[in-house]
Protein backbone atom coordinates (compact mmCIF):
# COMPACT_ATOMS: atom_id res chain seq x y z
CA MET A 1 -75.93 175.33 -64.27
CA SER A 2 -73.70 173.00 -62.27
CA ALA A 3 -76.47 170.44 -61.79
CA ALA A 4 -76.83 170.00 -65.57
CA ASP A 5 -73.10 169.35 -65.86
CA VAL A 6 -73.22 166.65 -63.16
CA ILE A 7 -76.31 165.07 -64.71
CA GLY A 8 -74.41 164.89 -67.99
CA GLN A 9 -71.35 163.36 -66.31
CA VAL A 10 -73.39 160.68 -64.55
CA THR A 11 -76.04 159.84 -67.15
CA GLY A 12 -74.35 160.82 -70.40
CA ARG A 13 -77.30 163.12 -71.22
CA GLU A 14 -76.73 166.73 -70.14
CA PRO A 15 -79.98 168.72 -70.09
CA SER A 16 -79.92 172.21 -71.55
CA GLU A 17 -79.93 175.11 -69.13
CA ARG A 18 -83.44 176.00 -70.30
CA ALA A 19 -84.69 172.44 -69.70
CA ILE A 20 -83.22 172.14 -66.21
CA ILE A 21 -84.52 175.57 -65.21
CA LYS A 22 -87.99 174.51 -66.37
CA VAL A 23 -87.77 171.40 -64.15
CA ALA A 24 -86.46 173.48 -61.23
CA GLN A 25 -89.32 175.97 -61.63
CA SER A 26 -91.87 173.17 -61.33
CA THR A 27 -90.20 171.25 -58.47
CA PRO A 28 -90.99 172.21 -54.87
CA SER A 29 -88.03 173.36 -52.79
CA VAL A 30 -87.06 171.51 -49.62
CA VAL A 31 -85.55 174.76 -48.30
CA HIS A 32 -88.13 177.49 -48.82
CA PRO A 33 -91.73 177.94 -49.98
CA GLY A 34 -92.15 177.73 -53.74
CA SER A 35 -90.08 176.11 -56.42
CA ILE A 36 -86.40 175.19 -56.40
CA TYR A 37 -85.53 177.93 -58.91
CA THR A 38 -85.91 181.59 -57.96
CA LYS A 39 -86.17 183.76 -61.06
CA PRO A 40 -83.90 186.79 -61.41
CA ALA A 41 -85.49 189.94 -59.99
CA ASP A 42 -84.33 191.86 -63.08
CA ALA A 43 -84.49 190.19 -66.51
CA GLU A 44 -81.65 192.44 -67.70
CA HIS A 45 -79.40 191.06 -64.94
CA PRO A 46 -79.70 187.26 -64.78
CA ASN A 47 -77.72 187.09 -61.52
CA SER A 48 -80.21 189.32 -59.66
CA GLY A 49 -82.04 186.29 -58.27
CA MET A 50 -80.64 183.49 -56.18
CA GLY A 51 -81.24 180.78 -58.80
CA THR A 52 -81.27 177.46 -56.97
CA SER A 53 -80.44 177.04 -53.30
CA VAL A 54 -77.50 174.66 -52.92
CA ALA A 55 -79.52 172.64 -50.41
CA ASP A 56 -81.98 171.85 -53.22
CA ILE A 57 -79.29 170.37 -55.50
CA PRO A 58 -79.96 166.73 -54.45
CA THR A 59 -83.68 167.18 -55.15
CA LEU A 60 -82.97 168.56 -58.61
CA LEU A 61 -80.42 165.83 -59.40
CA ALA A 62 -82.85 163.13 -58.20
CA HIS A 63 -85.35 164.25 -60.83
CA TYR A 64 -82.82 162.97 -63.37
CA GLY A 65 -82.03 159.75 -61.48
CA VAL A 66 -78.81 161.04 -59.91
CA ASP A 67 -78.46 160.51 -56.16
CA ALA A 68 -76.42 162.95 -54.09
CA VAL A 69 -75.82 164.02 -50.51
CA ILE A 70 -74.83 167.44 -49.19
CA THR A 71 -72.42 168.41 -46.47
CA ASP A 72 -70.49 171.35 -45.05
CA GLU A 73 -68.32 172.08 -42.02
CA ASP A 74 -71.39 172.61 -39.84
CA HIS A 75 -73.05 169.27 -40.68
CA ALA A 76 -70.24 166.84 -41.58
CA THR A 77 -70.07 165.28 -38.12
CA ALA A 78 -73.84 164.78 -37.88
CA THR A 79 -74.26 163.44 -41.43
CA GLY A 80 -71.05 161.41 -41.55
CA VAL A 81 -70.28 162.97 -44.93
CA ALA A 82 -66.84 164.57 -44.75
CA THR A 83 -65.89 167.89 -46.34
CA GLY A 84 -62.68 169.81 -46.95
CA MET A 85 -59.88 169.37 -49.47
CA ALA A 86 -58.90 165.84 -48.40
CA ALA A 87 -62.52 164.65 -48.67
CA LEU A 88 -62.96 166.45 -52.01
CA GLU A 89 -59.90 164.71 -53.44
CA GLN A 90 -61.12 161.35 -52.10
CA TYR A 91 -64.59 161.75 -53.64
CA LEU A 92 -63.16 162.74 -57.02
CA GLY A 93 -60.62 159.90 -56.89
CA SER A 94 -63.46 157.45 -56.21
CA GLY A 95 -65.39 158.61 -59.28
CA HIS A 96 -67.99 160.80 -57.59
CA ALA A 97 -69.14 164.06 -59.17
CA VAL A 98 -68.89 167.05 -56.82
CA ILE A 99 -70.60 170.45 -56.82
CA VAL A 100 -69.25 173.09 -54.43
CA SER A 101 -70.56 176.50 -53.44
CA ILE A 102 -68.07 179.37 -53.72
CA ASN A 103 -67.84 183.13 -53.95
CA ALA A 104 -67.68 183.71 -57.72
CA GLU A 105 -65.99 187.09 -57.61
CA MET A 106 -63.07 185.61 -55.70
CA ILE A 107 -62.31 182.97 -58.34
CA TRP A 108 -62.91 185.42 -61.19
CA GLY A 109 -60.53 187.98 -59.67
CA GLN A 110 -63.26 190.61 -59.37
CA PRO A 111 -64.16 192.90 -56.46
CA VAL A 112 -66.33 190.99 -53.99
CA GLU A 113 -69.92 192.25 -54.10
CA GLU A 114 -71.70 189.46 -52.23
CA THR A 115 -71.03 189.86 -48.51
CA ASP A 116 -72.66 188.86 -45.25
CA SER A 117 -73.79 191.33 -42.58
CA ALA A 118 -70.22 191.52 -41.22
CA GLY A 119 -68.80 192.36 -44.66
CA ASN A 120 -67.24 188.94 -45.26
CA PRO A 121 -67.48 187.38 -48.74
CA ARG A 122 -70.58 185.19 -49.12
CA SER A 123 -70.92 182.13 -51.31
CA ASP A 124 -73.06 182.93 -54.32
CA HIS A 125 -72.24 180.44 -57.06
CA ALA A 126 -72.04 176.68 -57.60
CA VAL A 127 -69.37 175.01 -59.72
CA VAL A 128 -68.41 171.43 -60.52
CA VAL A 129 -64.96 170.38 -59.36
CA THR A 130 -63.48 168.04 -61.96
CA GLY A 131 -60.00 167.59 -60.55
CA VAL A 132 -57.38 168.64 -58.03
CA ASP A 133 -53.73 168.87 -59.07
CA THR A 134 -51.96 168.99 -55.72
CA GLU A 135 -48.50 168.93 -57.30
CA ASN A 136 -49.14 172.19 -59.18
CA GLY A 137 -51.64 173.68 -56.70
CA ILE A 138 -54.50 173.88 -59.23
CA VAL A 139 -58.20 173.04 -58.89
CA HIS A 140 -60.06 172.24 -62.12
CA LEU A 141 -63.65 173.47 -62.38
CA ASN A 142 -66.55 173.45 -64.78
CA ASP A 143 -68.04 176.90 -64.23
CA SER A 144 -71.26 177.82 -66.02
CA GLY A 145 -70.88 181.43 -64.90
CA THR A 146 -68.25 182.29 -67.49
CA PRO A 147 -67.94 181.49 -71.21
CA THR A 148 -64.46 180.02 -70.65
CA GLY A 149 -65.54 177.99 -67.63
CA ARG A 150 -64.98 174.49 -69.02
CA ASP A 151 -61.87 173.20 -67.21
CA GLU A 152 -61.35 176.54 -65.55
CA GLN A 153 -58.08 176.25 -63.61
CA ILE A 154 -57.92 178.09 -60.30
CA PRO A 155 -54.98 178.34 -57.90
CA MET A 156 -55.72 176.05 -54.96
CA GLU A 157 -55.27 178.87 -52.42
CA THR A 158 -57.87 181.01 -54.23
CA PHE A 159 -60.26 178.05 -54.48
CA VAL A 160 -59.92 177.22 -50.78
CA GLU A 161 -60.66 180.85 -49.82
CA ALA A 162 -63.66 181.08 -52.17
CA TRP A 163 -65.01 177.71 -50.99
CA ALA A 164 -64.62 178.68 -47.31
CA THR A 165 -67.35 181.30 -47.84
CA SER A 166 -69.85 178.39 -47.87
CA HIS A 167 -68.21 176.53 -44.96
CA ASP A 168 -66.90 174.04 -47.54
CA PHE A 169 -70.38 173.12 -48.82
CA MET A 170 -70.48 170.30 -51.33
CA ALA A 171 -72.99 168.04 -53.01
CA VAL A 172 -71.51 164.62 -53.78
CA THR A 173 -73.05 161.99 -56.02
CA THR A 174 -73.58 158.59 -54.39
């Protein structure tokens, strides 16, 4: 879970996935009725639930003493918290931890299954961006959705397309 990774980066104590899910299951959501964590609909398929809404990430991080704000293209002007590649690079360069919402299938090179009503790819996964190598066009991620996700290196063009599915949503530590 991306929140656990950020908690570990900021506090030096990364909770286990089981521990953070337990906290999320007992913490009220600010987005929808019930808890932050929505259990998978099918125990055999762990991705059959929505997990944690990205808008609940600051609430979950706050439980561990980590402050964060969220933004996307639709809210950046109103919140004053910029988004997009330039802002992402600035936040990382200033020492902030950043979680973004992307379409997982796009970065994994798989057929896109998660789509909106118009058939466009939909964001369905959160990852931690750990670096941007503009010279080589690579974005470095910590991705809990794949066993080889630590320092997963994605072509910048692919990342930008996958991130656009969330309107460049990000949660930035403060």
